[in-house]
Amino acid sequence: MKLRVLHIGDPIKYNHDVYARFSSEFEIIQPTAEEREREEFMRALKERRWGDFHAVFRPFWNTGGEMGRWDSELIPLLPKSVKVMASAGAG
């Protein structure tokens, strides 16, 4: 069984070979832009729309922040299975 990774943000633009290898090792779930809007994102987490995923991956700092801040309203909605959050940043 592959571990599941929630990819938030737009599709990658660079390093496609690295992402292909990453995708071969993990099950990638990529919510739509609409599902990444805060209210819909929270609804999806409450409904467990993506099941038990193990990591959250945001590969580019400029997208994937549509759901707003990771705060006390949002974090408790994550499945208990989440152990890793990785986000690209500048600098």
C-alpha atoms as a PDB file:
ATOM      1  CA  MET A   1       0.000   0.000   0.000  1.00  0.00           C
ATOM      2  CA  LYS A   2       1.339   3.406  -0.985  1.00  0.00           C
ATOM      3  CA  LEU A   3       1.176   6.261   1.482  1.00  0.00           C
ATOM      4  CA  ARG A   4      -1.158   9.043   0.353  1.00  0.00           C
ATOM      5  CA  VAL A   5       0.035  12.620  -0.180  1.00  0.00           C
ATOM      6  CA  LEU A   6      -2.292  15.596  -0.560  1.00  0.00           C
ATOM      7  CA  HIS A   7      -0.748  17.866  -3.223  1.00  0.00           C
ATOM      8  CA  ILE A   8      -2.144  21.346  -2.717  1.00  0.00           C
ATOM      9  CA  GLY A   9      -1.510  23.924  -5.397  1.00  0.00           C
ATOM     10  CA  ASP A  10      -1.204  23.926  -9.137  1.00  0.00           C
ATOM     11  CA  PRO A  11       0.476  21.147 -11.118  1.00  0.00           C
ATOM     12  CA  ILE A  12       4.256  21.328 -11.044  1.00  0.00           C
ATOM     13  CA  LYS A  13       6.059  23.271 -13.766  1.00  0.00           C
ATOM     14  CA  TYR A  14       9.615  22.006 -13.320  1.00  0.00           C
ATOM     15  CA  ASN A  15      11.465  18.815 -12.384  1.00  0.00           C
ATOM     16  CA  HIS A  16       8.936  16.497 -13.969  1.00  0.00           C
ATOM     17  CA  ASP A  17      11.292  13.523 -13.684  1.00  0.00           C
ATOM     18  CA  VAL A  18      11.616  14.036  -9.922  1.00  0.00           C
ATOM     19  CA  TYR A  19       7.845  14.391  -9.573  1.00  0.00           C
ATOM     20  CA  ALA A  20       7.281  11.250 -11.664  1.00  0.00           C
ATOM     21  CA  ARG A  21       9.543   9.301  -9.314  1.00  0.00           C
ATOM     22  CA  PHE A  22       7.763  10.837  -6.298  1.00  0.00           C
ATOM     23  CA  SER A  23       4.394   9.886  -7.822  1.00  0.00           C
ATOM     24  CA  SER A  24       5.535   6.317  -8.366  1.00  0.00           C
ATOM     25  CA  GLU A  25       6.304   5.944  -4.662  1.00  0.00           C
ATOM     26  CA  PHE A  26       3.222   7.665  -3.223  1.00  0.00           C
ATOM     27  CA  GLU A  27      -0.455   7.962  -4.079  1.00  0.00           C
ATOM     28  CA  ILE A  28      -0.922  11.623  -4.981  1.00  0.00           C
ATOM     29  CA  ILE A  29      -4.263  13.325  -4.340  1.00  0.00           C
ATOM     30  CA  GLN A  30      -4.594  16.742  -5.961  1.00  0.00           C
ATOM     31  CA  PRO A  31      -7.675  18.769  -5.007  1.00  0.00           C
ATOM     32  CA  THR A  32      -9.114  21.111  -7.613  1.00  0.00           C
ATOM     33  CA  ALA A  33      -8.731  24.880  -7.272  1.00  0.00           C
ATOM     34  CA  GLU A  34     -12.336  25.025  -6.043  1.00  0.00           C
ATOM     35  CA  GLU A  35     -11.657  22.369  -3.396  1.00  0.00           C
ATOM     36  CA  ARG A  36      -8.715  24.421  -2.154  1.00  0.00           C
ATOM     37  CA  GLU A  37     -10.884  27.430  -1.267  1.00  0.00           C
ATOM     38  CA  ARG A  38     -11.071  27.598   2.536  1.00  0.00           C
ATOM     39  CA  GLU A  39     -14.750  26.750   3.091  1.00  0.00           C
ATOM     40  CA  GLU A  40     -14.720  23.921   0.553  1.00  0.00           C
ATOM     41  CA  PHE A  41     -11.360  22.650   1.808  1.00  0.00           C
ATOM     42  CA  MET A  42     -12.691  22.503   5.360  1.00  0.00           C
ATOM     43  CA  ARG A  43     -15.882  20.788   4.168  1.00  0.00           C
ATOM     44  CA  ALA A  44     -13.806  18.194   2.305  1.00  0.00           C
ATOM     45  CA  LEU A  45     -11.707  17.500   5.397  1.00  0.00           C
ATOM     46  CA  LYS A  46     -14.827  17.148   7.566  1.00  0.00           C
ATOM     47  CA  GLU A  47     -16.338  14.730   5.015  1.00  0.00           C
ATOM     48  CA  ARG A  48     -13.021  12.852   4.783  1.00  0.00           C
ATOM     49  CA  ARG A  49     -13.300  13.271   1.017  1.00  0.00           C
ATOM     50  CA  TRP A  50      -9.652  12.292   0.554  1.00  0.00           C
ATOM     51  CA  GLY A  51      -9.626   9.622   3.243  1.00  0.00           C
ATOM     52  CA  ASP A  52      -6.605   9.100   5.451  1.00  0.00           C
ATOM     53  CA  PHE A  53      -3.688  10.832   3.799  1.00  0.00           C
ATOM     54  CA  HIS A  54      -0.248  10.921   5.374  1.00  0.00           C
ATOM     55  CA  ALA A  55       1.351  14.132   4.145  1.00  0.00           C
ATOM     56  CA  VAL A  56       0.530  17.554   2.747  1.00  0.00           C
ATOM     57  CA  PHE A  57       2.773  18.779  -0.064  1.00  0.00           C
ATOM     58  CA  ARG A  58       2.782  22.307  -1.478  1.00  0.00           C
ATOM     59  CA  PRO A  59       5.432  22.373  -4.209  1.00  0.00           C
ATOM     60  CA  PHE A  60       5.304  26.072  -5.093  1.00  0.00           C
ATOM     61  CA  TRP A  61       4.920  28.997  -2.696  1.00  0.00           C
ATOM     62  CA  ASN A  62       2.704  30.964  -5.097  1.00  0.00           C
ATOM     63  CA  THR A  63      -0.220  28.493  -5.205  1.00  0.00           C
ATOM     64  CA  GLY A  64      -1.863  26.197  -2.725  1.00  0.00           C
ATOM     65  CA  GLY A  65      -2.603  28.850  -0.142  1.00  0.00           C
ATOM     66  CA  GLU A  66      -6.216  29.343  -1.153  1.00  0.00           C
ATOM     67  CA  MET A  67      -7.436  27.733   2.044  1.00  0.00           C
ATOM     68  CA  GLY A  68      -5.781  30.474   4.076  1.00  0.00           C
ATOM     69  CA  ARG A  69      -3.728  30.065   7.213  1.00  0.00           C
ATOM     70  CA  TRP A  70      -3.050  26.725   8.831  1.00  0.00           C
ATOM     71  CA  ASP A  71      -4.688  27.723  12.095  1.00  0.00           C
ATOM     72  CA  SER A  72      -6.628  26.309  15.041  1.00  0.00           C
ATOM     73  CA  GLU A  73      -9.744  26.096  12.872  1.00  0.00           C
ATOM     74  CA  LEU A  74      -8.112  24.107  10.063  1.00  0.00           C
ATOM     75  CA  ILE A  75      -5.443  21.896  11.651  1.00  0.00           C
ATOM     76  CA  PRO A  76      -7.818  19.845  13.856  1.00  0.00           C
ATOM     77  CA  LEU A  77      -9.703  18.799  10.701  1.00  0.00           C
ATOM     78  CA  LEU A  78      -6.666  16.998   9.278  1.00  0.00           C
ATOM     79  CA  PRO A  79      -6.761  13.222   9.612  1.00  0.00           C
ATOM     80  CA  LYS A  80      -4.704  11.794  12.475  1.00  0.00           C
ATOM     81  CA  SER A  81      -2.675   9.975   9.813  1.00  0.00           C
ATOM     82  CA  VAL A  82      -0.965  13.225   8.694  1.00  0.00           C
ATOM     83  CA  LYS A  83       2.653  13.210   9.847  1.00  0.00           C
ATOM     84  CA  VAL A  84       4.377  15.507   7.323  1.00  0.00           C
ATOM     85  CA  MET A  85       3.663  18.968   5.944  1.00  0.00           C
ATOM     86  CA  ALA A  86       6.080  20.272   3.311  1.00  0.00           C
ATOM     87  CA  SER A  87       5.831  23.640   1.608  1.00  0.00           C
ATOM     88  CA  ALA A  88       8.176  25.387  -0.790  1.00  0.00           C
ATOM     89  CA  GLY A  89       9.216  28.887   0.064  1.00  0.00           C
ATOM     90  CA  ALA A  90      11.425  31.636  -1.208  1.00  0.00           C
ATOM     91  CA  GLY A  91      14.672  32.235   0.628  1.00  0.00           C
END
